[in-house]
Amino acid sequence: MLKGLGGLGDMAKMMKTAQDMQGKMAQLQEDLKTITVVGQSGAGLVKATATAKGELKALDIDPSIFNGDDKEVVEDLILAAIKEAQTKAQERAQEEMQKLTSEMGLPADMKLPF
């Protein structure tokens, strides 16, 4: 059909591939909002749940750590759990992006915007 058009056939194929990639990126963005990760500290006494986009969704604190004298320790445990959840969220987002680029035949280290 596009045989006599020289390089335009390749251009049409590239455009189709770009549209497919755009659709898959949009779907991945939506998926990252529902994938959750959990960060913990204090041997599981504090747990922070976040989406793969890094949005904090829940915080679970074991009541046994509440003691007025340990306020700073509790605050540190909470921060540590949140930071771990955020780190895991970033790692999970990268994993999902690498899966997408691999499926599309793109280089694994290609940086696509989030």
PDB file of N, CA and C in Angstrom:
ATOM      1  N   MET A   1       0.810  -1.189   0.000  1.00  0.00           N
ATOM      2  CA  MET A   1       0.000   0.000   0.000  1.00  0.00           C
ATOM      3  C   MET A   1       0.860   1.262   0.000  1.00  0.00           C
ATOM      4  N   LEU A   2       1.878   1.300   0.850  1.00  0.00           N
ATOM      5  CA  LEU A   2       2.761   2.459   0.900  1.00  0.00           C
ATOM      6  C   LEU A   2       4.092   2.173   0.218  1.00  0.00           C
ATOM      7  N   LYS A   3       4.140   1.129  -0.585  1.00  0.00           N
ATOM      8  CA  LYS A   3       5.382   0.675  -1.190  1.00  0.00           C
ATOM      9  C   LYS A   3       6.039   1.765  -2.029  1.00  0.00           C
ATOM     10  N   GLY A   4       5.300   2.507  -2.799  1.00  0.00           N
ATOM     11  CA  GLY A   4       5.869   3.516  -3.675  1.00  0.00           C
ATOM     12  C   GLY A   4       6.178   4.831  -2.974  1.00  0.00           C
ATOM     13  N   LEU A   5       5.970   4.899  -1.664  1.00  0.00           N
ATOM     14  CA  LEU A   5       6.167   6.154  -0.954  1.00  0.00           C
ATOM     15  C   LEU A   5       7.524   6.247  -0.256  1.00  0.00           C
ATOM     16  N   GLY A   6       8.399   5.307  -0.525  1.00  0.00           N
ATOM     17  CA  GLY A   6       9.746   5.362   0.055  1.00  0.00           C
ATOM     18  C   GLY A   6       9.715   5.273   1.566  1.00  0.00           C
ATOM     19  N   GLY A   7      10.340   6.253   2.232  1.00  0.00           N
ATOM     20  CA  GLY A   7      10.474   6.254   3.681  1.00  0.00           C
ATOM     21  C   GLY A   7       9.212   6.600   4.436  1.00  0.00           C
ATOM     22  N   LEU A   8       8.155   6.993   3.754  1.00  0.00           N
ATOM     23  CA  LEU A   8       6.921   7.358   4.456  1.00  0.00           C
ATOM     24  C   LEU A   8       6.282   6.164   5.151  1.00  0.00           C
ATOM     25  N   GLY A   9       6.478   4.971   4.581  1.00  0.00           N
ATOM     26  CA  GLY A   9       5.950   3.767   5.224  1.00  0.00           C
ATOM     27  C   GLY A   9       6.609   3.553   6.581  1.00  0.00           C
ATOM     28  N   ASP A  10       7.923   3.783   6.640  1.00  0.00           N
ATOM     29  CA  ASP A  10       8.642   3.670   7.907  1.00  0.00           C
ATOM     30  C   ASP A  10       8.180   4.740   8.884  1.00  0.00           C
ATOM     31  N   MET A  11       7.911   5.925   8.367  1.00  0.00           N
ATOM     32  CA  MET A  11       7.451   7.028   9.214  1.00  0.00           C
ATOM     33  C   MET A  11       6.094   6.684   9.822  1.00  0.00           C
ATOM     34  N   ALA A  12       5.214   6.103   9.033  1.00  0.00           N
ATOM     35  CA  ALA A  12       3.894   5.705   9.537  1.00  0.00           C
ATOM     36  C   ALA A  12       4.047   4.655  10.628  1.00  0.00           C
ATOM     37  N   LYS A  13       4.977   3.738  10.439  1.00  0.00           N
ATOM     38  CA  LYS A  13       5.224   2.698  11.439  1.00  0.00           C
ATOM     39  C   LYS A  13       5.766   3.326  12.726  1.00  0.00           C
ATOM     40  N   MET A  14       6.675   4.283  12.591  1.00  0.00           N
ATOM     41  CA  MET A  14       7.223   4.971  13.762  1.00  0.00           C
ATOM     42  C   MET A  14       6.129   5.731  14.511  1.00  0.00           C
ATOM     43  N   MET A  15       5.243   6.364  13.768  1.00  0.00           N
ATOM     44  CA  MET A  15       4.157   7.110  14.400  1.00  0.00           C
ATOM     45  C   MET A  15       3.233   6.165  15.164  1.00  0.00           C
ATOM     46  N   LYS A  16       2.938   5.016  14.577  1.00  0.00           N
ATOM     47  CA  LYS A  16       2.089   4.021  15.225  1.00  0.00           C
ATOM     48  C   LYS A  16       2.755   3.525  16.510  1.00  0.00           C
ATOM     49  N   THR A  17       4.055   3.267  16.428  1.00  0.00           N
ATOM     50  CA  THR A  17       4.803   2.811  17.600  1.00  0.00           C
ATOM     51  C   THR A  17       4.784   3.878  18.690  1.00  0.00           C
ATOM     52  N   ALA A  18       4.951   5.135  18.304  1.00  0.00           N
ATOM     53  CA  ALA A  18       4.924   6.234  19.274  1.00  0.00           C
ATOM     54  C   ALA A  18       3.552   6.344  19.933  1.00  0.00           C
ATOM     55  N   GLN A  19       2.496   6.165  19.161  1.00  0.00           N
ATOM     56  CA  GLN A  19       1.142   6.217  19.724  1.00  0.00           C
ATOM     57  C   GLN A  19       0.922   5.059  20.688  1.00  0.00           C
ATOM     58  N   ASP A  20       1.416   3.877  20.309  1.00  0.00           N
ATOM     59  CA  ASP A  20       1.293   2.718  21.202  1.00  0.00           C
ATOM     60  C   ASP A  20       2.027   2.979  22.514  1.00  0.00           C
ATOM     61  N   MET A  21       3.232   3.531  22.411  1.00  0.00           N
ATOM     62  CA  MET A  21       4.022   3.811  23.596  1.00  0.00           C
ATOM     63  C   MET A  21       3.318   4.847  24.474  1.00  0.00           C
ATOM     64  N   GLN A  22       2.739   5.852  23.871  1.00  0.00           N
ATOM     65  CA  GLN A  22       2.026   6.881  24.624  1.00  0.00           C
ATOM     66  C   GLN A  22       0.852   6.269  25.388  1.00  0.00           C
ATOM     67  N   GLY A  23       0.130   5.369  24.737  1.00  0.00           N
ATOM     68  CA  GLY A  23      -0.983   4.701  25.400  1.00  0.00           C
ATOM     69  C   GLY A  23      -0.523   3.833  26.555  1.00  0.00           C
ATOM     70  N   LYS A  24       0.567   3.112  26.341  1.00  0.00           N
ATOM     71  CA  LYS A  24       1.088   2.249  27.407  1.00  0.00           C
ATOM     72  C   LYS A  24       1.629   3.073  28.569  1.00  0.00           C
ATOM     73  N   MET A  25       2.248   4.211  28.274  1.00  0.00           N
ATOM     74  CA  MET A  25       2.742   5.088  29.332  1.00  0.00           C
ATOM     75  C   MET A  25       1.573   5.630  30.152  1.00  0.00           C
ATOM     76  N   ALA A  26       0.504   6.008  29.496  1.00  0.00           N
ATOM     77  CA  ALA A  26      -0.671   6.519  30.208  1.00  0.00           C
ATOM     78  C   ALA A  26      -1.255   5.433  31.112  1.00  0.00           C
ATOM     79  N   GLN A  27      -1.301   4.211  30.608  1.00  0.00           N
ATOM     80  CA  GLN A  27      -1.818   3.104  31.414  1.00  0.00           C
ATOM     81  C   GLN A  27      -0.904   2.837  32.596  1.00  0.00           C
ATOM     82  N   LEU A  28       0.412   2.901  32.369  1.00  0.00           N
ATOM     83  CA  LEU A  28       1.358   2.686  33.461  1.00  0.00           C
ATOM     84  C   LEU A  28       1.176   3.749  34.544  1.00  0.00           C
ATOM     85  N   GLN A  29       0.965   4.990  34.155  1.00  0.00           N
ATOM     86  CA  GLN A  29       0.741   6.058  35.121  1.00  0.00           C
ATOM     87  C   GLN A  29      -0.466   5.745  36.001  1.00  0.00           C
ATOM     88  N   GLU A  30      -1.522   5.226  35.396  1.00  0.00           N
ATOM     89  CA  GLU A  30      -2.706   4.849  36.163  1.00  0.00           C
ATOM     90  C   GLU A  30      -2.412   3.656  37.071  1.00  0.00           C
ATOM     91  N   ASP A  31      -1.675   2.682  36.542  1.00  0.00           N
ATOM     92  CA  ASP A  31      -1.345   1.496  37.331  1.00  0.00           C
ATOM     93  C   ASP A  31      -0.510   1.853  38.557  1.00  0.00           C
ATOM     94  N   LEU A  32       0.420   2.795  38.402  1.00  0.00           N
ATOM     95  CA  LEU A  32       1.286   3.185  39.515  1.00  0.00           C
ATOM     96  C   LEU A  32       0.495   3.802  40.663  1.00  0.00           C
ATOM     97  N   LYS A  33      -0.695   4.286  40.375  1.00  0.00           N
ATOM     98  CA  LYS A  33      -1.541   4.854  41.426  1.00  0.00           C
ATOM     99  C   LYS A  33      -2.192   3.771  42.277  1.00  0.00           C
ATOM    100  N   THR A  34      -2.255   2.541  41.758  1.00  0.00           N
ATOM    101  CA  THR A  34      -2.916   1.465  42.494  1.00  0.00           C
ATOM    102  C   THR A  34      -1.942   0.440  43.067  1.00  0.00           C
ATOM    103  N   ILE A  35      -0.710   0.402  42.569  1.00  0.00           N
ATOM    104  CA  ILE A  35       0.296  -0.510  43.106  1.00  0.00           C
ATOM    105  C   ILE A  35       0.757   0.060  44.443  1.00  0.00           C
ATOM    106  N   THR A  36       0.778  -0.770  45.485  1.00  0.00           N
ATOM    107  CA  THR A  36       1.203  -0.280  46.791  1.00  0.00           C
ATOM    108  C   THR A  36       2.458  -1.000  47.264  1.00  0.00           C
ATOM    109  N   VAL A  37       3.229  -0.289  48.073  1.00  0.00           N
ATOM    110  CA  VAL A  37       4.428  -0.829  48.716  1.00  0.00           C
ATOM    111  C   VAL A  37       4.341  -0.472  50.193  1.00  0.00           C
ATOM    112  N   VAL A  38       5.058  -1.237  51.032  1.00  0.00           N
ATOM    113  CA  VAL A  38       5.035  -0.995  52.472  1.00  0.00           C
ATOM    114  C   VAL A  38       6.456  -0.823  52.967  1.00  0.00           C
ATOM    115  N   GLY A  39       6.689   0.266  53.691  1.00  0.00           N
ATOM    116  CA  GLY A  39       7.965   0.486  54.361  1.00  0.00           C
ATOM    117  C   GLY A  39       7.769   0.249  55.846  1.00  0.00           C
ATOM    118  N   GLN A  40       8.806  -0.323  56.497  1.00  0.00           N
ATOM    119  CA  GLN A  40       8.696  -0.640  57.920  1.00  0.00           C
ATOM    120  C   GLN A  40       9.905  -0.114  58.678  1.00  0.00           C
ATOM    121  N   SER A  41       9.711   0.080  59.967  1.00  0.00           N
ATOM    122  CA  SER A  41      10.826   0.383  60.845  1.00  0.00           C
ATOM    123  C   SER A  41      10.515  -0.195  62.213  1.00  0.00           C
ATOM    124  N   GLY A  42      11.544  -0.274  63.046  1.00  0.00           N
ATOM    125  CA  GLY A  42      11.333  -0.811  64.392  1.00  0.00           C
ATOM    126  C   GLY A  42      10.843  -2.233  64.373  1.00  0.00           C
ATOM    127  N   ALA A  43      11.402  -3.051  63.493  1.00  0.00           N
ATOM    128  CA  ALA A  43      11.017  -4.466  63.374  1.00  0.00           C
ATOM    129  C   ALA A  43       9.518  -4.611  63.138  1.00  0.00           C
ATOM    130  N   GLY A  44       8.958  -3.716  62.341  1.00  0.00           N
ATOM    131  CA  GLY A  44       7.553  -3.807  61.984  1.00  0.00           C
ATOM    132  C   GLY A  44       6.614  -3.068  62.925  1.00  0.00           C
ATOM    133  N   LEU A  45       7.149  -2.351  63.897  1.00  0.00           N
ATOM    134  CA  LEU A  45       6.290  -1.607  64.820  1.00  0.00           C
ATOM    135  C   LEU A  45       5.614  -0.432  64.128  1.00  0.00           C
ATOM    136  N   VAL A  46       6.275   0.112  63.112  1.00  0.00           N
ATOM    137  CA  VAL A  46       5.699   1.201  62.333  1.00  0.00           C
ATOM    138  C   VAL A  46       5.729   0.784  60.868  1.00  0.00           C
ATOM    139  N   LYS A  47       4.581   0.884  60.202  1.00  0.00           N
ATOM    140  CA  LYS A  47       4.476   0.527  58.789  1.00  0.00           C
ATOM    141  C   LYS A  47       3.824   1.674  58.032  1.00  0.00           C
ATOM    142  N   ALA A  48       4.426   2.032  56.909  1.00  0.00           N
ATOM    143  CA  ALA A  48       3.874   3.076  56.054  1.00  0.00           C
ATOM    144  C   ALA A  48       3.560   2.457  54.701  1.00  0.00           C
ATOM    145  N   THR A  49       2.352   2.667  54.215  1.00  0.00           N
ATOM    146  CA  THR A  49       1.930   2.149  52.911  1.00  0.00           C
ATOM    147  C   THR A  49       1.814   3.325  51.948  1.00  0.00           C
ATOM    148  N   ALA A  50       2.417   3.149  50.764  1.00  0.00           N
ATOM    149  CA  ALA A  50       2.391   4.204  49.746  1.00  0.00           C
ATOM    150  C   ALA A  50       2.107   3.583  48.389  1.00  0.00           C
ATOM    151  N   THR A  51       1.635   4.415  47.465  1.00  0.00           N
ATOM    152  CA  THR A  51       1.472   3.953  46.088  1.00  0.00           C
ATOM    153  C   THR A  51       2.841   3.973  45.413  1.00  0.00           C
ATOM    154  N   ALA A  52       2.950   3.327  44.264  1.00  0.00           N
ATOM    155  CA  ALA A  52       4.202   3.344  43.518  1.00  0.00           C
ATOM    156  C   ALA A  52       4.512   4.743  42.993  1.00  0.00           C
ATOM    157  N   LYS A  53       3.540   5.640  43.042  1.00  0.00           N
ATOM    158  CA  LYS A  53       3.771   7.044  42.696  1.00  0.00           C
ATOM    159  C   LYS A  53       4.348   7.814  43.881  1.00  0.00           C
ATOM    160  N   GLY A  54       4.399   7.182  45.058  1.00  0.00           N
ATOM    161  CA  GLY A  54       4.978   7.804  46.235  1.00  0.00           C
ATOM    162  C   GLY A  54       3.981   8.485  47.159  1.00  0.00           C
ATOM    163  N   GLU A  55       2.699   8.334  46.882  1.00  0.00           N
ATOM    164  CA  GLU A  55       1.675   8.949  47.723  1.00  0.00           C
ATOM    165  C   GLU A  55       1.431   8.088  48.955  1.00  0.00           C
ATOM    166  N   LEU A  56       1.626   8.667  50.131  1.00  0.00           N
ATOM    167  CA  LEU A  56       1.406   7.954  51.384  1.00  0.00           C
ATOM    168  C   LEU A  56      -0.083   7.673  51.549  1.00  0.00           C
ATOM    169  N   LYS A  57      -0.432   6.404  51.760  1.00  0.00           N
ATOM    170  CA  LYS A  57      -1.833   6.009  51.862  1.00  0.00           C
ATOM    171  C   LYS A  57      -2.240   5.600  53.279  1.00  0.00           C
ATOM    172  N   ALA A  58      -1.314   5.016  54.032  1.00  0.00           N
ATOM    173  CA  ALA A  58      -1.675   4.545  55.367  1.00  0.00           C
ATOM    174  C   ALA A  58      -0.444   4.517  56.256  1.00  0.00           C
ATOM    175  N   LEU A  59      -0.693   4.640  57.538  1.00  0.00           N
ATOM    176  CA  LEU A  59       0.347   4.564  58.540  1.00  0.00           C
ATOM    177  C   LEU A  59      -0.176   3.687  59.663  1.00  0.00           C
ATOM    178  N   ASP A  60       0.542   2.624  59.979  1.00  0.00           N
ATOM    179  CA  ASP A  60       0.122   1.690  61.024  1.00  0.00           C
ATOM    180  C   ASP A  60       1.183   1.699  62.118  1.00  0.00           C
ATOM    181  N   ILE A  61       0.763   2.087  63.327  1.00  0.00           N
ATOM    182  CA  ILE A  61       1.694   2.190  64.446  1.00  0.00           C
ATOM    183  C   ILE A  61       1.234   1.244  65.551  1.00  0.00           C
ATOM    184  N   ASP A  62       2.126   0.347  65.956  1.00  0.00           N
ATOM    185  CA  ASP A  62       1.822  -0.572  67.049  1.00  0.00           C
ATOM    186  C   ASP A  62       1.685   0.246  68.337  1.00  0.00           C
ATOM    187  N   PRO A  63       0.579   0.070  69.069  1.00  0.00           N
ATOM    188  CA  PRO A  63       0.344   0.881  70.274  1.00  0.00           C
ATOM    189  C   PRO A  63       1.408   0.697  71.364  1.00  0.00           C
ATOM    190  N   SER A  64       2.158  -0.384  71.303  1.00  0.00           N
ATOM    191  CA  SER A  64       3.149  -0.635  72.351  1.00  0.00           C
ATOM    192  C   SER A  64       4.286   0.390  72.354  1.00  0.00           C
ATOM    193  N   ILE A  65       4.438   1.146  71.279  1.00  0.00           N
ATOM    194  CA  ILE A  65       5.544   2.105  71.248  1.00  0.00           C
ATOM    195  C   ILE A  65       5.167   3.466  71.825  1.00  0.00           C
ATOM    196  N   PHE A  66       3.915   3.642  72.206  1.00  0.00           N
ATOM    197  CA  PHE A  66       3.504   4.931  72.751  1.00  0.00           C
ATOM    198  C   PHE A  66       3.868   5.039  74.222  1.00  0.00           C
ATOM    199  N   ASN A  67       4.866   5.861  74.456  1.00  0.00           N
ATOM    200  CA  ASN A  67       5.331   6.149  75.806  1.00  0.00           C
ATOM    201  C   ASN A  67       5.876   7.569  75.726  1.00  0.00           C
ATOM    202  N   GLY A  68       5.397   8.436  76.558  1.00  0.00           N
ATOM    203  CA  GLY A  68       5.784   9.845  76.510  1.00  0.00           C
ATOM    204  C   GLY A  68       7.277  10.083  76.499  1.00  0.00           C
ATOM    205  N   ASP A  69       8.022   9.197  77.144  1.00  0.00           N
ATOM    206  CA  ASP A  69       9.472   9.365  77.219  1.00  0.00           C
ATOM    207  C   ASP A  69      10.156   9.051  75.892  1.00  0.00           C
ATOM    208  N   ASP A  70       9.489   8.305  75.032  1.00  0.00           N
ATOM    209  CA  ASP A  70      10.096   7.853  73.781  1.00  0.00           C
ATOM    210  C   ASP A  70       9.598   8.634  72.567  1.00  0.00           C
ATOM    211  N   LYS A  71       9.114   9.835  72.786  1.00  0.00           N
ATOM    212  CA  LYS A  71       8.536  10.625  71.694  1.00  0.00           C
ATOM    213  C   LYS A  71       9.487  10.739  70.503  1.00  0.00           C
ATOM    214  N   GLU A  72      10.734  11.069  70.720  1.00  0.00           N
ATOM    215  CA  GLU A  72      11.694  11.233  69.623  1.00  0.00           C
ATOM    216  C   GLU A  72      11.941   9.912  68.898  1.00  0.00           C
ATOM    217  N   VAL A  73      11.989   8.828  69.640  1.00  0.00           N
ATOM    218  CA  VAL A  73      12.190   7.517  69.022  1.00  0.00           C
ATOM    219  C   VAL A  73      11.010   7.176  68.120  1.00  0.00           C
ATOM    220  N   VAL A  74       9.812   7.421  68.601  1.00  0.00           N
ATOM    221  CA  VAL A  74       8.602   7.150  67.816  1.00  0.00           C
ATOM    222  C   VAL A  74       8.602   7.997  66.544  1.00  0.00           C
ATOM    223  N   GLU A  75       8.929   9.269  66.671  1.00  0.00           N
ATOM    224  CA  GLU A  75       8.989  10.138  65.497  1.00  0.00           C
ATOM    225  C   GLU A  75      10.019   9.633  64.487  1.00  0.00           C
ATOM    226  N   ASP A  76      11.175   9.195  64.982  1.00  0.00           N
ATOM    227  CA  ASP A  76      12.210   8.663  64.097  1.00  0.00           C
ATOM    228  C   ASP A  76      11.736   7.391  63.392  1.00  0.00           C
ATOM    229  N   LEU A  77      11.029   6.532  64.117  1.00  0.00           N
ATOM    230  CA  LEU A  77      10.515   5.298  63.519  1.00  0.00           C
ATOM    231  C   LEU A  77       9.490   5.613  62.428  1.00  0.00           C
ATOM    232  N   ILE A  78       8.648   6.593  62.676  1.00  0.00           N
ATOM    233  CA  ILE A  78       7.640   6.984  61.688  1.00  0.00           C
ATOM    234  C   ILE A  78       8.324   7.518  60.435  1.00  0.00           C
ATOM    235  N   LEU A  79       9.270   8.417  60.618  1.00  0.00           N
ATOM    236  CA  LEU A  79       9.993   8.961  59.466  1.00  0.00           C
ATOM    237  C   LEU A  79      10.726   7.870  58.694  1.00  0.00           C
ATOM    238  N   ALA A  80      11.348   6.940  59.415  1.00  0.00           N
ATOM    239  CA  ALA A  80      12.085   5.861  58.754  1.00  0.00           C
ATOM    240  C   ALA A  80      11.146   4.990  57.920  1.00  0.00           C
ATOM    241  N   ALA A  81       9.974   4.690  58.458  1.00  0.00           N
ATOM    242  CA  ALA A  81       9.015   3.867  57.719  1.00  0.00           C
ATOM    243  C   ALA A  81       8.524   4.588  56.469  1.00  0.00           C
ATOM    244  N   ILE A  82       8.258   5.883  56.589  1.00  0.00           N
ATOM    245  CA  ILE A  82       7.798   6.657  55.434  1.00  0.00           C
ATOM    246  C   ILE A  82       8.890   6.737  54.376  1.00  0.00           C
ATOM    247  N   LYS A  83      10.118   6.990  54.796  1.00  0.00           N
ATOM    248  CA  LYS A  83      11.227   7.070  53.839  1.00  0.00           C
ATOM    249  C   LYS A  83      11.424   5.742  53.118  1.00  0.00           C
ATOM    250  N   GLU A  84      11.308   4.638  53.844  1.00  0.00           N
ATOM    251  CA  GLU A  84      11.453   3.331  53.207  1.00  0.00           C
ATOM    252  C   GLU A  84      10.334   3.083  52.204  1.00  0.00           C
ATOM    253  N   ALA A  85       9.118   3.478  52.563  1.00  0.00           N
ATOM    254  CA  ALA A  85       7.987   3.315  51.636  1.00  0.00           C
ATOM    255  C   ALA A  85       8.217   4.150  50.382  1.00  0.00           C
ATOM    256  N   GLN A  86       8.717   5.366  50.535  1.00  0.00           N
ATOM    257  CA  GLN A  86       8.981   6.218  49.381  1.00  0.00           C
ATOM    258  C   GLN A  86      10.083   5.630  48.498  1.00  0.00           C
ATOM    259  N   THR A  87      11.126   5.090  49.112  1.00  0.00           N
ATOM    260  CA  THR A  87      12.206   4.456  48.351  1.00  0.00           C
ATOM    261  C   THR A  87      11.683   3.252  47.585  1.00  0.00           C
ATOM    262  N   LYS A  88      10.879   2.425  48.255  1.00  0.00           N
ATOM    263  CA  LYS A  88      10.306   1.261  47.589  1.00  0.00           C
ATOM    264  C   LYS A  88       9.377   1.684  46.452  1.00  0.00           C
ATOM    265  N   ALA A  89       8.662   2.781  46.649  1.00  0.00           N
ATOM    266  CA  ALA A  89       7.772   3.281  45.593  1.00  0.00           C
ATOM    267  C   ALA A  89       8.576   3.672  44.361  1.00  0.00           C
ATOM    268  N   GLN A  90       9.676   4.374  44.559  1.00  0.00           N
ATOM    269  CA  GLN A  90      10.526   4.763  43.436  1.00  0.00           C
ATOM    270  C   GLN A  90      11.097   3.535  42.726  1.00  0.00           C
ATOM    271  N   GLU A  91      11.549   2.567  43.513  1.00  0.00           N
ATOM    272  CA  GLU A  91      12.113   1.349  42.928  1.00  0.00           C
ATOM    273  C   GLU A  91      11.055   0.586  42.130  1.00  0.00           C
ATOM    274  N   ARG A  92       9.853   0.502  42.669  1.00  0.00           N
ATOM    275  CA  ARG A  92       8.776  -0.219  41.982  1.00  0.00           C
ATOM    276  C   ARG A  92       8.394   0.484  40.689  1.00  0.00           C
ATOM    277  N   ALA A  93       8.339   1.811  40.726  1.00  0.00           N
ATOM    278  CA  ALA A  93       8.023   2.573  39.524  1.00  0.00           C
ATOM    279  C   ALA A  93       9.087   2.324  38.455  1.00  0.00           C
ATOM    280  N   GLN A  94      10.356   2.290  38.858  1.00  0.00           N
ATOM    281  CA  GLN A  94      11.434   2.012  37.911  1.00  0.00           C
ATOM    282  C   GLN A  94      11.297   0.601  37.325  1.00  0.00           C
ATOM    283  N   GLU A  95      10.975  -0.370  38.169  1.00  0.00           N
ATOM    284  CA  GLU A  95      10.780  -1.746  37.692  1.00  0.00           C
ATOM    285  C   GLU A  95       9.682  -1.806  36.646  1.00  0.00           C
ATOM    286  N   GLU A  96       8.566  -1.140  36.930  1.00  0.00           N
ATOM    287  CA  GLU A  96       7.444  -1.152  35.994  1.00  0.00           C
ATOM    288  C   GLU A  96       7.818  -0.462  34.687  1.00  0.00           C
ATOM    289  N   MET A  97       8.584   0.605  34.766  1.00  0.00           N
ATOM    290  CA  MET A  97       9.016   1.324  33.565  1.00  0.00           C
ATOM    291  C   MET A  97       9.967   0.440  32.743  1.00  0.00           C
ATOM    292  N   GLN A  98      10.870  -0.264  33.421  1.00  0.00           N
ATOM    293  CA  GLN A  98      11.786  -1.152  32.709  1.00  0.00           C
ATOM    294  C   GLN A  98      11.037  -2.279  32.014  1.00  0.00           C
ATOM    295  N   LYS A  99       9.995  -2.795  32.655  1.00  0.00           N
ATOM    296  CA  LYS A  99       9.171  -3.823  32.013  1.00  0.00           C
ATOM    297  C   LYS A  99       8.561  -3.267  30.731  1.00  0.00           C
ATOM    298  N   LEU A 100       8.017  -2.053  30.825  1.00  0.00           N
ATOM    299  CA  LEU A 100       7.367  -1.430  29.678  1.00  0.00           C
ATOM    300  C   LEU A 100       8.361  -1.206  28.540  1.00  0.00           C
ATOM    301  N   THR A 101       9.522  -0.648  28.843  1.00  0.00           N
ATOM    302  CA  THR A 101      10.505  -0.375  27.789  1.00  0.00           C
ATOM    303  C   THR A 101      11.006  -1.676  27.182  1.00  0.00           C
ATOM    304  N   SER A 102      11.168  -2.704  28.005  1.00  0.00           N
ATOM    305  CA  SER A 102      11.615  -4.006  27.499  1.00  0.00           C
ATOM    306  C   SER A 102      10.586  -4.609  26.550  1.00  0.00           C
ATOM    307  N   GLU A 103       9.304  -4.532  26.933  1.00  0.00           N
ATOM    308  CA  GLU A 103       8.230  -5.060  26.085  1.00  0.00           C
ATOM    309  C   GLU A 103       8.177  -4.348  24.735  1.00  0.00           C
ATOM    310  N   MET A 104       8.559  -3.085  24.733  1.00  0.00           N
ATOM    311  CA  MET A 104       8.498  -2.303  23.508  1.00  0.00           C
ATOM    312  C   MET A 104       9.802  -2.352  22.713  1.00  0.00           C
ATOM    313  N   GLY A 105      10.788  -3.106  23.237  1.00  0.00           N
ATOM    314  CA  GLY A 105      12.049  -3.233  22.520  1.00  0.00           C
ATOM    315  C   GLY A 105      12.956  -2.027  22.656  1.00  0.00           C
ATOM    316  N   LEU A 106      12.719  -1.205  23.659  1.00  0.00           N
ATOM    317  CA  LEU A 106      13.552  -0.025  23.896  1.00  0.00           C
ATOM    318  C   LEU A 106      14.696  -0.389  24.833  1.00  0.00           C
ATOM    319  N   PRO A 107      15.795   0.370  24.810  1.00  0.00           N
ATOM    320  CA  PRO A 107      16.892   0.086  25.721  1.00  0.00           C
ATOM    321  C   PRO A 107      16.441   0.148  27.173  1.00  0.00           C
ATOM    322  N   ALA A 108      16.923  -0.762  28.006  1.00  0.00           N
ATOM    323  CA  ALA A 108      16.502  -0.855  29.400  1.00  0.00           C
ATOM    324  C   ALA A 108      16.849   0.414  30.196  1.00  0.00           C
ATOM    325  N   ASP A 109      17.908   1.107  29.804  1.00  0.00           N
ATOM    326  CA  ASP A 109      18.317   2.285  30.559  1.00  0.00           C
ATOM    327  C   ASP A 109      17.712   3.587  30.007  1.00  0.00           C
ATOM    328  N   MET A 110      16.781   3.463  29.069  1.00  0.00           N
ATOM    329  CA  MET A 110      16.159   4.651  28.492  1.00  0.00           C
ATOM    330  C   MET A 110      15.280   5.321  29.546  1.00  0.00           C
ATOM    331  N   LYS A 111      15.502   6.600  29.754  1.00  0.00           N
ATOM    332  CA  LYS A 111      14.758   7.355  30.761  1.00  0.00           C
ATOM    333  C   LYS A 111      13.535   7.998  30.114  1.00  0.00           C
ATOM    334  N   LEU A 112      12.377   7.566  30.527  1.00  0.00           N
ATOM    335  CA  LEU A 112      11.133   8.151  30.036  1.00  0.00           C
ATOM    336  C   LEU A 112      10.524   8.963  31.168  1.00  0.00           C
ATOM    337  N   PRO A 113       9.822  10.022  30.865  1.00  0.00           N
ATOM    338  CA  PRO A 113       9.259  10.875  31.935  1.00  0.00           C
ATOM    339  C   PRO A 113       8.114  10.188  32.669  1.00  0.00           C
ATOM    340  N   PHE A 114       8.014  10.540  33.938  1.00  0.00           N
ATOM    341  CA  PHE A 114       6.895  10.081  34.764  1.00  0.00           C
ATOM    342  C   PHE A 114       5.996  11.223  35.002  1.00  0.00           C
TER     343      PHE A 114
END
